[in-house]
Structure formats: structure tokens, C-alpha cells
Amino acid sequence: MAGTTVIPTRMVLNQLKGRLRTARRGHKLLKDKRDELMRQFMDVVRRNKVLRERVEGGLTEAFASLQVASSIMSPEMLEQALLYPRQSVELGMKFKNIMSVNVPVYSFKTQSNDPTEIYPYGFAQTSGELDDALENMAKVFEDMLELAEVEKTMQLLAEEIEKTRRRVNALEYVMIPDLESNIKYITMKLEENENATKVRLLKVKEMVLQDAHNYK
């Protein structure tokens, strides 16, 4: 119970008041951080929705074209056409800070800037639908990478929001009420001691006056 584990002295009272001021400042800062993290999180959620729709649309087109190509070309010919890719991609990653959260930023660079390098085959024995499928996949690749970046950012921000929320709740519902209760307890005890001291002083004064003037 609050108050039973503290010593009711003025020194302890001043220490607790200092801790209470610090806890209140920390509580306000953490609430501001939580609110800003939530705002950033909602922005990322909206960005994620747009990217996901774009990626799903691009993949749907690519798979539709690939399915048509599969119906035209034999499985062996299709496998042979895609067996040895000509283009290679180098992925890079760095970090940016969002409200003390390091989130990844992905980038990629192709070995060649020639757009025809995405086709690892000759055009004589392949269908145009296979060309469309690879072209759609190449277009959607950058969006897929950005989507992965956004979803990782969402995960990290959500974890930080949860940690910040727990800290805010611990301060708001545990630490600050306990400090306030202990301060109230010590203040009451000190007031009781002061009143008791006043009564004793009045008693001593009365006894001194009786001795000095022979009062009965």
C-alpha cells in the first residue's frame, strides 16, 4: 500500500516531488511521441494500401500473360527460355530514423540499363505473351521492393508504438499515482507531527507560566 514503505521526512518528500515532476514531464513527452508515431504509422498504412493494390494488379497481369504463354508454348520450351537470365540485380539497404526507430530503405540497381536485357531468350521461338509477362514483372519489381520496405516499416513502428504505450500506461496508472499517494501520505504525517509539536509547545508554555506565576 502507498505510504507504508516510505519514511515521512521532508527530505523524502522533496525527493518524491522531484521524481513526480520528472515523471510528469516524461509522461507528456512519451504521449507526444506515441501520437506522432501513430500519425507516421497511419501514413505508412495508407502508402501500403496503394502499393499493395498496384503490386497485386501488376502481378495479376504478369501471371495472366504467363498463363497464356504456357498454353501456347510447351513446358520444355518455356523452361528453356527462362533458364539462363541475362539481367542481374544488386540490392542495397540503408536506414532512416523515424522517431528514434531505424527503418530500412531498400534500393536496387540493375547490371545493365538496356531494357531488352530482361528477356533471356531469342524472340523466334517464344510467344509475345511471355514478353508481356516479363515486362510486367520488371515493372512491378520496384513496387514490390517498396512494398517490402513499407511493410517492414509498419512492423517496426507498431512494435515501438506498443512499447511506448506500455511506458505511458505505466507512468499514468502506476508510477504517478503511487508518487502522488506517497506525497499525500508524507504531507499528512508531517502536518500531524507539526500539530503535535505545537500542542507540546503550548503545553510547555503553560507549564512555564504556571511555575513563573504560581498558577494552579
C-alpha atoms as a PDB file:
ATOM      1  CA  MET A   1       0.000   0.000   0.000  1.00  0.00           C
ATOM      2  CA  ALA A   2       1.241   3.505  -0.855  1.00  0.00           C
ATOM      3  CA  GLY A   3       2.777   5.353   2.047  1.00  0.00           C
ATOM      4  CA  THR A   4       3.683   2.314   4.144  1.00  0.00           C
ATOM      5  CA  THR A   5       7.162   1.865   2.623  1.00  0.00           C
ATOM      6  CA  VAL A   6       8.344   5.491   2.747  1.00  0.00           C
ATOM      7  CA  ILE A   7       9.857   7.448   5.603  1.00  0.00           C
ATOM      8  CA  PRO A   8       7.768  10.576   6.290  1.00  0.00           C
ATOM      9  CA  THR A   9      10.538  13.186   6.298  1.00  0.00           C
ATOM     10  CA  ARG A  10      10.897  16.473   4.420  1.00  0.00           C
ATOM     11  CA  MET A  11      13.935  15.172   2.559  1.00  0.00           C
ATOM     12  CA  VAL A  12      11.983  12.183   1.230  1.00  0.00           C
ATOM     13  CA  LEU A  13       9.050  14.487   0.420  1.00  0.00           C
ATOM     14  CA  ASN A  14      11.278  16.771  -1.683  1.00  0.00           C
ATOM     15  CA  GLN A  15      12.803  13.765  -3.446  1.00  0.00           C
ATOM     16  CA  LEU A  16       9.359  12.387  -4.291  1.00  0.00           C
ATOM     17  CA  LYS A  17       8.176  15.772  -5.566  1.00  0.00           C
ATOM     18  CA  GLY A  18      11.212  15.927  -7.836  1.00  0.00           C
ATOM     19  CA  ARG A  19      10.509  12.434  -9.139  1.00  0.00           C
ATOM     20  CA  LEU A  20       6.875  13.357  -9.705  1.00  0.00           C
ATOM     21  CA  ARG A  21       7.844  16.402 -11.788  1.00  0.00           C
ATOM     22  CA  THR A  22      10.217  14.241 -13.837  1.00  0.00           C
ATOM     23  CA  ALA A  23       7.572  11.522 -14.276  1.00  0.00           C
ATOM     24  CA  ARG A  24       5.011  14.056 -15.485  1.00  0.00           C
ATOM     25  CA  ARG A  25       7.440  15.550 -17.985  1.00  0.00           C
ATOM     26  CA  GLY A  26       8.372  12.064 -19.190  1.00  0.00           C
ATOM     27  CA  HIS A  27       4.701  11.135 -19.455  1.00  0.00           C
ATOM     28  CA  LYS A  28       3.981  14.165 -21.651  1.00  0.00           C
ATOM     29  CA  LEU A  29       6.990  13.508 -23.889  1.00  0.00           C
ATOM     30  CA  LEU A  30       6.068   9.848 -24.297  1.00  0.00           C
ATOM     31  CA  LYS A  31       2.450  10.729 -25.101  1.00  0.00           C
ATOM     32  CA  ASP A  32       3.656  13.180 -27.756  1.00  0.00           C
ATOM     33  CA  LYS A  33       5.981  10.511 -29.151  1.00  0.00           C
ATOM     34  CA  ARG A  34       3.170   7.935 -29.187  1.00  0.00           C
ATOM     35  CA  ASP A  35       0.829  10.333 -31.000  1.00  0.00           C
ATOM     36  CA  GLU A  36       3.466  11.200 -33.604  1.00  0.00           C
ATOM     37  CA  LEU A  37       4.302   7.515 -34.102  1.00  0.00           C
ATOM     38  CA  MET A  38       0.608   6.814 -34.660  1.00  0.00           C
ATOM     39  CA  ARG A  39       0.435   9.606 -37.253  1.00  0.00           C
ATOM     40  CA  GLN A  40       3.511   8.244 -39.043  1.00  0.00           C
ATOM     41  CA  PHE A  41       2.091   4.716 -38.829  1.00  0.00           C
ATOM     42  CA  MET A  42      -1.209   5.739 -40.434  1.00  0.00           C
ATOM     43  CA  ASP A  43       0.677   7.478 -43.273  1.00  0.00           C
ATOM     44  CA  VAL A  44       2.626   4.268 -43.885  1.00  0.00           C
ATOM     45  CA  VAL A  45      -0.587   2.204 -43.763  1.00  0.00           C
ATOM     46  CA  ARG A  46      -2.146   4.377 -46.476  1.00  0.00           C
ATOM     47  CA  ARG A  47       1.027   4.084 -48.564  1.00  0.00           C
ATOM     48  CA  ASN A  48       0.987   0.322 -48.048  1.00  0.00           C
ATOM     49  CA  LYS A  49      -2.606   0.080 -49.311  1.00  0.00           C
ATOM     50  CA  VAL A  50      -1.774   1.946 -52.541  1.00  0.00           C
ATOM     51  CA  LEU A  51       1.363  -0.112 -53.166  1.00  0.00           C
ATOM     52  CA  ARG A  52      -0.336  -3.415 -52.415  1.00  0.00           C
ATOM     53  CA  GLU A  53      -3.107  -2.707 -54.914  1.00  0.00           C
ATOM     54  CA  ARG A  54      -0.524  -1.692 -57.523  1.00  0.00           C
ATOM     55  CA  VAL A  55       1.616  -4.794 -56.927  1.00  0.00           C
ATOM     56  CA  GLU A  56      -1.372  -7.138 -56.971  1.00  0.00           C
ATOM     57  CA  GLY A  57      -2.580  -5.580 -60.223  1.00  0.00           C
ATOM     58  CA  GLY A  58       0.856  -5.889 -61.837  1.00  0.00           C
ATOM     59  CA  LEU A  59       1.314  -9.484 -60.704  1.00  0.00           C
ATOM     60  CA  THR A  60      -2.161 -10.400 -61.919  1.00  0.00           C
ATOM     61  CA  GLU A  61      -1.325  -9.069 -65.374  1.00  0.00           C
ATOM     62  CA  ALA A  62       2.053 -10.809 -65.387  1.00  0.00           C
ATOM     63  CA  PHE A  63       0.603 -14.174 -64.324  1.00  0.00           C
ATOM     64  CA  ALA A  64      -2.226 -13.878 -66.832  1.00  0.00           C
ATOM     65  CA  SER A  65       0.282 -13.308 -69.641  1.00  0.00           C
ATOM     66  CA  LEU A  66       2.449 -16.161 -68.350  1.00  0.00           C
ATOM     67  CA  GLN A  67      -0.556 -18.484 -68.271  1.00  0.00           C
ATOM     68  CA  VAL A  68      -1.370 -17.656 -71.889  1.00  0.00           C
ATOM     69  CA  ALA A  69       2.281 -18.215 -72.846  1.00  0.00           C
ATOM     70  CA  SER A  70       2.217 -21.559 -71.036  1.00  0.00           C
ATOM     71  CA  SER A  71      -0.789 -22.643 -73.066  1.00  0.00           C
ATOM     72  CA  ILE A  72       0.946 -21.707 -76.316  1.00  0.00           C
ATOM     73  CA  MET A  73       4.461 -22.936 -75.587  1.00  0.00           C
ATOM     74  CA  SER A  74       5.454 -26.395 -74.404  1.00  0.00           C
ATOM     75  CA  PRO A  75       6.678 -26.691 -70.773  1.00  0.00           C
ATOM     76  CA  GLU A  76      10.151 -27.690 -72.008  1.00  0.00           C
ATOM     77  CA  MET A  77      10.409 -24.677 -74.309  1.00  0.00           C
ATOM     78  CA  LEU A  78       9.162 -22.324 -71.571  1.00  0.00           C
ATOM     79  CA  GLU A  79      11.659 -23.705 -69.068  1.00  0.00           C
ATOM     80  CA  GLN A  80      14.497 -23.458 -71.577  1.00  0.00           C
ATOM     81  CA  ALA A  81      13.594 -19.865 -72.412  1.00  0.00           C
ATOM     82  CA  LEU A  82      13.751 -18.773 -68.763  1.00  0.00           C
ATOM     83  CA  LEU A  83      16.631 -20.998 -67.642  1.00  0.00           C
ATOM     84  CA  TYR A  84      19.518 -18.531 -68.028  1.00  0.00           C
ATOM     85  CA  PRO A  85      18.635 -14.935 -67.086  1.00  0.00           C
ATOM     86  CA  ARG A  86      20.759 -12.203 -68.696  1.00  0.00           C
ATOM     87  CA  GLN A  87      19.981  -9.394 -66.272  1.00  0.00           C
ATOM     88  CA  SER A  88      21.128  -9.309 -62.654  1.00  0.00           C
ATOM     89  CA  VAL A  89      20.033  -7.016 -59.858  1.00  0.00           C
ATOM     90  CA  GLU A  90      22.027  -5.685 -56.917  1.00  0.00           C
ATOM     91  CA  LEU A  91      20.011  -4.861 -53.795  1.00  0.00           C
ATOM     92  CA  GLY A  92      21.073  -2.180 -51.336  1.00  0.00           C
ATOM     93  CA  MET A  93      19.818  -1.226 -47.903  1.00  0.00           C
ATOM     94  CA  LYS A  94      20.297   1.786 -45.657  1.00  0.00           C
ATOM     95  CA  PHE A  95      18.344   3.126 -42.695  1.00  0.00           C
ATOM     96  CA  LYS A  96      16.429   6.267 -41.850  1.00  0.00           C
ATOM     97  CA  ASN A  97      15.269   7.388 -38.431  1.00  0.00           C
ATOM     98  CA  ILE A  98      11.574   7.893 -37.671  1.00  0.00           C
ATOM     99  CA  MET A  99      11.004   8.994 -34.059  1.00  0.00           C
ATOM    100  CA  SER A 100      14.035   7.005 -32.816  1.00  0.00           C
ATOM    101  CA  VAL A 101      13.063   3.977 -34.921  1.00  0.00           C
ATOM    102  CA  ASN A 102      15.571   2.881 -37.567  1.00  0.00           C
ATOM    103  CA  VAL A 103      13.563   1.696 -40.562  1.00  0.00           C
ATOM    104  CA  PRO A 104      15.086   0.179 -43.718  1.00  0.00           C
ATOM    105  CA  VAL A 105      15.254   1.885 -47.101  1.00  0.00           C
ATOM    106  CA  TYR A 106      15.767  -0.589 -49.952  1.00  0.00           C
ATOM    107  CA  SER A 107      17.189   0.197 -53.362  1.00  0.00           C
ATOM    108  CA  PHE A 108      18.217  -1.826 -56.378  1.00  0.00           C
ATOM    109  CA  LYS A 109      20.491  -1.387 -59.357  1.00  0.00           C
ATOM    110  CA  THR A 110      20.494  -3.482 -62.493  1.00  0.00           C
ATOM    111  CA  GLN A 111      23.704  -4.652 -64.081  1.00  0.00           C
ATOM    112  CA  SER A 112      22.680  -3.168 -67.407  1.00  0.00           C
ATOM    113  CA  ASN A 113      20.434  -0.235 -68.276  1.00  0.00           C
ATOM    114  CA  ASP A 114      19.384  -1.895 -71.522  1.00  0.00           C
ATOM    115  CA  PRO A 115      15.632  -2.680 -71.136  1.00  0.00           C
ATOM    116  CA  THR A 116      15.889  -5.635 -73.529  1.00  0.00           C
ATOM    117  CA  GLU A 117      18.182  -7.441 -71.059  1.00  0.00           C
ATOM    118  CA  ILE A 118      15.105  -8.665 -69.178  1.00  0.00           C
ATOM    119  CA  TYR A 119      14.473 -11.148 -71.994  1.00  0.00           C
ATOM    120  CA  PRO A 120      16.891 -14.099 -71.584  1.00  0.00           C
ATOM    121  CA  TYR A 121      15.887 -15.671 -74.908  1.00  0.00           C
ATOM    122  CA  GLY A 122      15.540 -15.046 -78.588  1.00  0.00           C
ATOM    123  CA  PHE A 123      12.176 -13.980 -79.955  1.00  0.00           C
ATOM    124  CA  ALA A 124      11.899 -16.519 -82.764  1.00  0.00           C
ATOM    125  CA  GLN A 125      10.501 -19.453 -80.775  1.00  0.00           C
ATOM    126  CA  THR A 126       8.721 -17.676 -77.916  1.00  0.00           C
ATOM    127  CA  SER A 127       5.329 -16.029 -77.708  1.00  0.00           C
ATOM    128  CA  GLY A 128       4.568 -12.346 -77.281  1.00  0.00           C
ATOM    129  CA  GLU A 129       2.641 -13.163 -74.105  1.00  0.00           C
ATOM    130  CA  LEU A 130       5.874 -14.337 -72.468  1.00  0.00           C
ATOM    131  CA  ASP A 131       7.416 -10.976 -73.370  1.00  0.00           C
ATOM    132  CA  ASP A 132       4.427  -9.236 -71.751  1.00  0.00           C
ATOM    133  CA  ALA A 133       4.755 -11.352 -68.609  1.00  0.00           C
ATOM    134  CA  LEU A 134       8.445 -10.481 -68.161  1.00  0.00           C
ATOM    135  CA  GLU A 135       7.823  -6.816 -68.931  1.00  0.00           C
ATOM    136  CA  ASN A 136       5.042  -6.650 -66.315  1.00  0.00           C
ATOM    137  CA  MET A 137       7.246  -8.400 -63.763  1.00  0.00           C
ATOM    138  CA  ALA A 138      10.052  -5.919 -64.427  1.00  0.00           C
ATOM    139  CA  LYS A 139       7.655  -3.011 -63.944  1.00  0.00           C
ATOM    140  CA  VAL A 140       6.216  -4.356 -60.701  1.00  0.00           C
ATOM    141  CA  PHE A 141       9.596  -5.285 -59.192  1.00  0.00           C
ATOM    142  CA  GLU A 142      10.335  -1.772 -57.920  1.00  0.00           C
ATOM    143  CA  ASP A 143       6.870  -1.556 -56.343  1.00  0.00           C
ATOM    144  CA  MET A 144       7.391  -4.964 -54.701  1.00  0.00           C
ATOM    145  CA  LEU A 145      10.661  -3.753 -53.174  1.00  0.00           C
ATOM    146  CA  GLU A 146       9.000  -0.578 -51.924  1.00  0.00           C
ATOM    147  CA  LEU A 147       6.130  -2.650 -50.525  1.00  0.00           C
ATOM    148  CA  ALA A 148       8.605  -4.818 -48.588  1.00  0.00           C
ATOM    149  CA  GLU A 149      10.196  -1.631 -47.215  1.00  0.00           C
ATOM    150  CA  VAL A 150       6.818  -0.216 -46.198  1.00  0.00           C
ATOM    151  CA  GLU A 151       5.647  -3.415 -44.511  1.00  0.00           C
ATOM    152  CA  LYS A 152       8.886  -3.699 -42.518  1.00  0.00           C
ATOM    153  CA  THR A 153       8.471  -0.055 -41.513  1.00  0.00           C
ATOM    154  CA  MET A 154       4.917  -0.786 -40.371  1.00  0.00           C
ATOM    155  CA  GLN A 155       6.117  -3.709 -38.257  1.00  0.00           C
ATOM    156  CA  LEU A 156       8.886  -1.685 -36.573  1.00  0.00           C
ATOM    157  CA  LEU A 157       6.620   1.306 -35.932  1.00  0.00           C
ATOM    158  CA  ALA A 158       3.900  -0.944 -34.491  1.00  0.00           C
ATOM    159  CA  GLU A 159       6.415  -2.515 -32.085  1.00  0.00           C
ATOM    160  CA  GLU A 160       7.659   0.925 -30.991  1.00  0.00           C
ATOM    161  CA  ILE A 161       4.075   2.198 -30.556  1.00  0.00           C
ATOM    162  CA  GLU A 162       3.291  -0.773 -28.315  1.00  0.00           C
ATOM    163  CA  LYS A 163       6.435  -0.229 -26.199  1.00  0.00           C
ATOM    164  CA  THR A 164       5.689   3.490 -25.888  1.00  0.00           C
ATOM    165  CA  ARG A 165       2.051   2.786 -24.999  1.00  0.00           C
ATOM    166  CA  ARG A 166       3.128   0.434 -22.184  1.00  0.00           C
ATOM    167  CA  ARG A 167       5.501   3.074 -20.810  1.00  0.00           C
ATOM    168  CA  VAL A 168       2.808   5.757 -20.958  1.00  0.00           C
ATOM    169  CA  ASN A 169       0.355   3.484 -19.143  1.00  0.00           C
ATOM    170  CA  ALA A 170       2.953   2.524 -16.518  1.00  0.00           C
ATOM    171  CA  LEU A 171       3.597   6.191 -15.769  1.00  0.00           C
ATOM    172  CA  GLU A 172      -0.058   7.240 -15.955  1.00  0.00           C
ATOM    173  CA  TYR A 173      -1.654   4.419 -13.975  1.00  0.00           C
ATOM    174  CA  VAL A 174       1.137   3.161 -11.691  1.00  0.00           C
ATOM    175  CA  MET A 175       4.117   5.404 -11.081  1.00  0.00           C
ATOM    176  CA  ILE A 176       2.469   8.850 -10.993  1.00  0.00           C
ATOM    177  CA  PRO A 177      -0.490   7.740  -8.782  1.00  0.00           C
ATOM    178  CA  ASP A 178       1.931   5.984  -6.387  1.00  0.00           C
ATOM    179  CA  LEU A 179       4.118   9.080  -6.152  1.00  0.00           C
ATOM    180  CA  GLU A 180       1.086  11.301  -5.572  1.00  0.00           C
ATOM    181  CA  SER A 181      -0.231   8.935  -2.914  1.00  0.00           C
ATOM    182  CA  ASN A 182       3.125   8.798  -1.129  1.00  0.00           C
ATOM    183  CA  ILE A 183       3.461  12.594  -1.256  1.00  0.00           C
ATOM    184  CA  LYS A 184      -0.021  12.953   0.206  1.00  0.00           C
ATOM    185  CA  TYR A 185       0.802  10.427   2.935  1.00  0.00           C
ATOM    186  CA  ILE A 186       4.062  12.155   3.921  1.00  0.00           C
ATOM    187  CA  THR A 187       2.420  15.597   3.829  1.00  0.00           C
ATOM    188  CA  MET A 188      -0.332  14.403   6.176  1.00  0.00           C
ATOM    189  CA  LYS A 189       2.217  12.809   8.517  1.00  0.00           C
ATOM    190  CA  LEU A 190       4.323  15.974   8.611  1.00  0.00           C
ATOM    191  CA  GLU A 191       1.225  18.072   9.314  1.00  0.00           C
ATOM    192  CA  GLU A 192       0.273  15.692  12.136  1.00  0.00           C
ATOM    193  CA  ASN A 193       3.800  15.964  13.564  1.00  0.00           C
ATOM    194  CA  GLU A 194       3.694  19.766  13.316  1.00  0.00           C
ATOM    195  CA  ASN A 195       0.329  19.892  15.056  1.00  0.00           C
ATOM    196  CA  ALA A 196       1.585  17.540  17.774  1.00  0.00           C
ATOM    197  CA  THR A 197       4.680  19.729  18.222  1.00  0.00           C
ATOM    198  CA  LYS A 198       2.507  22.854  18.524  1.00  0.00           C
ATOM    199  CA  VAL A 199       0.373  21.159  21.173  1.00  0.00           C
ATOM    200  CA  ARG A 200       3.502  20.138  23.110  1.00  0.00           C
ATOM    201  CA  LEU A 201       4.907  23.653  22.895  1.00  0.00           C
ATOM    202  CA  LEU A 202       1.644  25.138  24.138  1.00  0.00           C
ATOM    203  CA  LYS A 203       1.690  22.629  26.993  1.00  0.00           C
ATOM    204  CA  VAL A 204       5.294  23.539  27.881  1.00  0.00           C
ATOM    205  CA  LYS A 205       4.454  27.247  27.710  1.00  0.00           C
ATOM    206  CA  GLU A 206       1.501  26.717  30.020  1.00  0.00           C
ATOM    207  CA  MET A 207       3.682  24.790  32.480  1.00  0.00           C
ATOM    208  CA  VAL A 208       6.353  27.509  32.425  1.00  0.00           C
ATOM    209  CA  LEU A 209       3.733  30.201  33.080  1.00  0.00           C
ATOM    210  CA  GLN A 210       2.327  28.176  35.985  1.00  0.00           C
ATOM    211  CA  ASP A 211       5.769  27.823  37.528  1.00  0.00           C
ATOM    212  CA  ALA A 212       6.595  31.514  36.971  1.00  0.00           C
ATOM    213  CA  HIS A 213       3.350  32.983  38.332  1.00  0.00           C
ATOM    214  CA  ASN A 214       2.276  30.237  40.724  1.00  0.00           C
ATOM    215  CA  TYR A 215      -0.748  29.446  38.533  1.00  0.00           C
ATOM    216  CA  LYS A 216      -2.795  26.473  39.520  1.00  0.00           C
END
